[in-house]
């Protein structure tokens, strides 16, 4: 069995508990209390139980605490998917929402999300999604006279989609 990773010595257990008391993030509080238990001399298993984690996770947080200090114990939010609209598109949407629709011109009395999306596609030439209506022929079946039809097959009201010639009833 290897040696446990030493916790940095510039913080005492009292200071770490004081930081935990002032912290706003509950996950950071748990991690700080587990590290304070380690500094007090508790075994890693007991300290991990105090923090509601296992020993390996405690080890990972001790490494991060040693490198980044108490602020390193806060979860970093995931970056998420990149934005689909650039600044110019967002500014365009903000402008037309602020102006509001003109019923005689736009055909609506208030903007819905689908109306705004269509305006954005029409005016900014954005590519349309690859989704679509299952009743419409797909590109691979164009001109062949087949559509995807919804059928009930089997039990328990499960829906199945089948390709069928246009006008046929199955």
Protein backbone atom coordinates (compact mmCIF):
# COMPACT_ATOMS: atom_id res chain seq x y z
CA UNK A 1 0.00 0.00 0.00
CA UNK A 2 1.37 3.42 -0.94
CA UNK A 3 1.84 6.53 1.11
CA UNK A 4 -1.11 8.96 1.23
CA UNK A 5 -0.61 12.28 -0.51
CA UNK A 6 0.33 14.96 2.03
CA UNK A 7 -1.98 17.94 2.42
CA UNK A 8 -0.39 21.37 2.09
CA UNK A 9 0.79 22.77 5.40
CA UNK A 10 -0.01 26.47 4.99
CA UNK A 11 -3.58 25.86 6.23
CA UNK A 12 -4.45 24.55 9.68
CA UNK A 13 -7.56 22.46 10.33
CA UNK A 14 -9.16 25.43 12.11
CA UNK A 15 -8.54 27.70 9.10
CA UNK A 16 -9.96 25.11 6.70
CA UNK A 17 -13.09 24.75 8.86
CA UNK A 18 -13.41 28.55 8.95
CA UNK A 19 -13.24 28.58 5.15
CA UNK A 20 -15.91 25.87 5.07
CA UNK A 21 -18.17 27.97 7.30
CA UNK A 22 -17.91 30.94 4.91
CA UNK A 23 -18.22 28.93 1.68
CA UNK A 24 -21.43 29.22 -0.35
CA UNK A 25 -21.06 26.00 -2.36
CA UNK A 26 -22.21 22.95 -0.37
CA UNK A 27 -19.93 20.59 -2.31
CA UNK A 28 -16.93 22.78 -1.48
CA UNK A 29 -17.96 22.71 2.20
CA UNK A 30 -18.01 18.90 2.25
CA UNK A 31 -14.60 18.73 0.61
CA UNK A 32 -13.10 21.31 2.98
CA UNK A 33 -14.44 19.44 6.02
CA UNK A 34 -12.97 16.16 4.74
CA UNK A 35 -9.58 17.86 4.23
CA UNK A 36 -9.81 19.40 7.71
CA UNK A 37 -10.34 15.90 9.11
CA UNK A 38 -7.21 14.72 7.27
CA UNK A 39 -5.21 17.65 8.68
CA UNK A 40 -6.49 16.74 12.18
CA UNK A 41 -5.01 13.27 11.72
CA UNK A 42 -8.08 11.20 10.92
CA UNK A 43 -7.59 8.23 8.63
CA UNK A 44 -8.38 8.76 4.95
CA UNK A 45 -11.33 6.38 5.18
CA UNK A 46 -12.87 8.32 8.07
CA UNK A 47 -12.17 11.67 6.40
CA UNK A 48 -13.73 10.41 3.17
CA UNK A 49 -16.82 9.32 5.10
CA UNK A 50 -17.01 12.81 6.69
CA UNK A 51 -17.04 14.31 3.18
CA UNK A 52 -19.49 11.76 1.79
CA UNK A 53 -17.05 10.31 -0.72
CA UNK A 54 -14.66 7.39 -1.12
CA UNK A 55 -10.90 7.47 -0.51
CA UNK A 56 -9.98 7.79 -4.19
CA UNK A 57 -12.21 10.82 -4.60
CA UNK A 58 -10.76 12.36 -1.45
CA UNK A 59 -7.27 11.78 -2.87
CA UNK A 60 -8.26 13.62 -6.08
CA UNK A 61 -9.63 16.57 -4.08
CA UNK A 62 -6.49 16.69 -1.89
CA UNK A 63 -4.38 16.94 -5.05
CA UNK A 64 -6.58 19.76 -6.33
CA UNK A 65 -6.50 21.50 -2.93
CA UNK A 66 -2.70 21.31 -2.92
CA UNK A 67 -2.49 22.79 -6.41
CA UNK A 68 -5.26 25.42 -6.37
CA UNK A 69 -6.13 26.01 -2.73
CA UNK A 70 -9.70 26.19 -1.36
CA UNK A 71 -11.07 27.72 -4.56
CA UNK A 72 -9.97 24.60 -6.43
CA UNK A 73 -12.60 22.60 -4.54
CA UNK A 74 -15.48 24.31 -6.34
CA UNK A 75 -17.00 22.42 -9.25
CA UNK A 76 -16.15 23.99 -12.58
CA UNK A 77 -19.24 24.12 -14.82
CA UNK A 78 -19.00 22.20 -18.08
CA UNK A 79 -18.57 24.44 -21.13
CA UNK A 80 -21.66 23.05 -22.89
CA UNK A 81 -22.39 23.10 -26.59
CA UNK A 82 -21.16 26.05 -28.65
CA UNK A 83 -23.74 28.73 -29.45
CA UNK A 84 -25.63 28.20 -32.70
CA UNK A 85 -26.12 31.92 -33.25
CA UNK A 86 -23.33 34.46 -33.55
CA UNK A 87 -23.53 38.02 -32.21
CA UNK A 88 -24.98 39.37 -35.45
CA UNK A 89 -27.84 36.84 -35.41
CA UNK A 90 -28.60 37.51 -31.74
CA UNK A 91 -28.65 41.26 -32.42
CA UNK A 92 -31.03 40.70 -35.34
CA UNK A 93 -33.39 38.66 -33.15
CA UNK A 94 -33.26 41.25 -30.37
CA UNK A 95 -34.12 44.01 -32.84
CA UNK A 96 -37.13 42.26 -34.39
CA UNK A 97 -38.44 41.20 -30.97
CA UNK A 98 -38.18 44.79 -29.71
CA UNK A 99 -39.93 46.14 -32.82
CA UNK A 100 -42.64 43.49 -32.63
CA UNK A 101 -44.48 41.96 -35.57
CA UNK A 102 -46.65 43.90 -37.99
CA UNK A 103 -49.76 41.72 -38.48
CA UNK A 104 -50.35 42.81 -42.07
CA UNK A 105 -46.75 42.10 -43.07
CA UNK A 106 -45.70 39.19 -40.88
CA UNK A 107 -49.07 37.47 -40.50
CA UNK A 108 -48.80 37.14 -36.70
CA UNK A 109 -49.82 39.36 -33.80
CA UNK A 110 -47.03 38.19 -31.48
CA UNK A 111 -43.76 36.41 -32.12
CA UNK A 112 -43.55 32.72 -31.32
CA UNK A 113 -40.24 30.89 -31.28
CA UNK A 114 -41.05 29.10 -34.55
CA UNK A 115 -41.84 32.46 -36.22
CA UNK A 116 -38.52 33.91 -35.10
CA UNK A 117 -36.66 30.83 -36.29
CA UNK A 118 -38.30 31.08 -39.72
CA UNK A 119 -37.45 34.79 -39.97
CA UNK A 120 -33.87 34.01 -39.05
CA UNK A 121 -33.68 31.25 -41.66
CA UNK A 122 -35.27 33.43 -44.35
CA UNK A 123 -33.27 36.60 -43.76
CA UNK A 124 -29.91 35.22 -42.68
CA UNK A 125 -29.83 32.14 -44.91
CA UNK A 126 -29.10 29.78 -42.04
CA UNK A 127 -29.15 26.08 -42.86
CA UNK A 128 -32.39 24.38 -41.90
CA UNK A 129 -32.36 21.43 -39.55
CA UNK A 130 -32.20 17.89 -40.93
CA UNK A 131 -35.29 16.88 -38.92
CA UNK A 132 -38.55 17.05 -40.73
CA UNK A 133 -41.98 15.58 -40.88
CA UNK A 134 -42.03 11.78 -41.04
CA UNK A 135 -44.99 12.01 -43.45
CA UNK A 136 -42.84 13.82 -46.01
CA UNK A 137 -40.54 11.88 -48.35
CA UNK A 138 -36.89 12.00 -47.42
CA UNK A 139 -34.21 13.08 -49.86
CA UNK A 140 -33.22 9.46 -50.56
CA UNK A 141 -36.81 8.64 -51.52
CA UNK A 142 -37.56 11.75 -53.56
CA UNK A 143 -39.65 11.02 -56.63
CA UNK A 144 -40.18 7.36 -55.74
CA UNK A 145 -43.61 7.89 -54.26
CA UNK A 146 -42.97 6.50 -50.80
CA UNK A 147 -43.65 8.06 -47.42
CA UNK A 148 -42.94 7.03 -43.89
CA UNK A 149 -46.20 6.01 -42.26
CA UNK A 150 -47.05 5.48 -38.63
CA UNK A 151 -48.49 2.06 -37.79
CA UNK A 152 -49.55 0.28 -34.66
CA UNK A 153 -47.87 -3.10 -34.53
CA UNK A 154 -48.01 -5.58 -31.69
CA UNK A 155 -49.23 -4.82 -28.21
CA UNK A 156 -49.18 -2.01 -25.68
CA UNK A 157 -49.80 0.80 -28.18
CA UNK A 158 -46.26 0.97 -29.49
CA UNK A 159 -45.86 3.00 -32.65
CA UNK A 160 -43.71 1.79 -35.49
CA UNK A 161 -42.75 3.71 -38.62
CA UNK A 162 -42.78 1.85 -41.93
CA UNK A 163 -42.04 2.96 -45.47
CA UNK A 164 -45.05 2.49 -47.80
CA UNK A 165 -46.01 3.59 -51.30
CA UNK A 166 -48.04 6.79 -51.40
CA UNK A 167 -51.78 6.04 -51.29
CA UNK A 168 -51.41 2.48 -50.08
CA UNK A 169 -53.04 1.49 -46.83
CA UNK A 170 -51.32 -1.09 -44.70
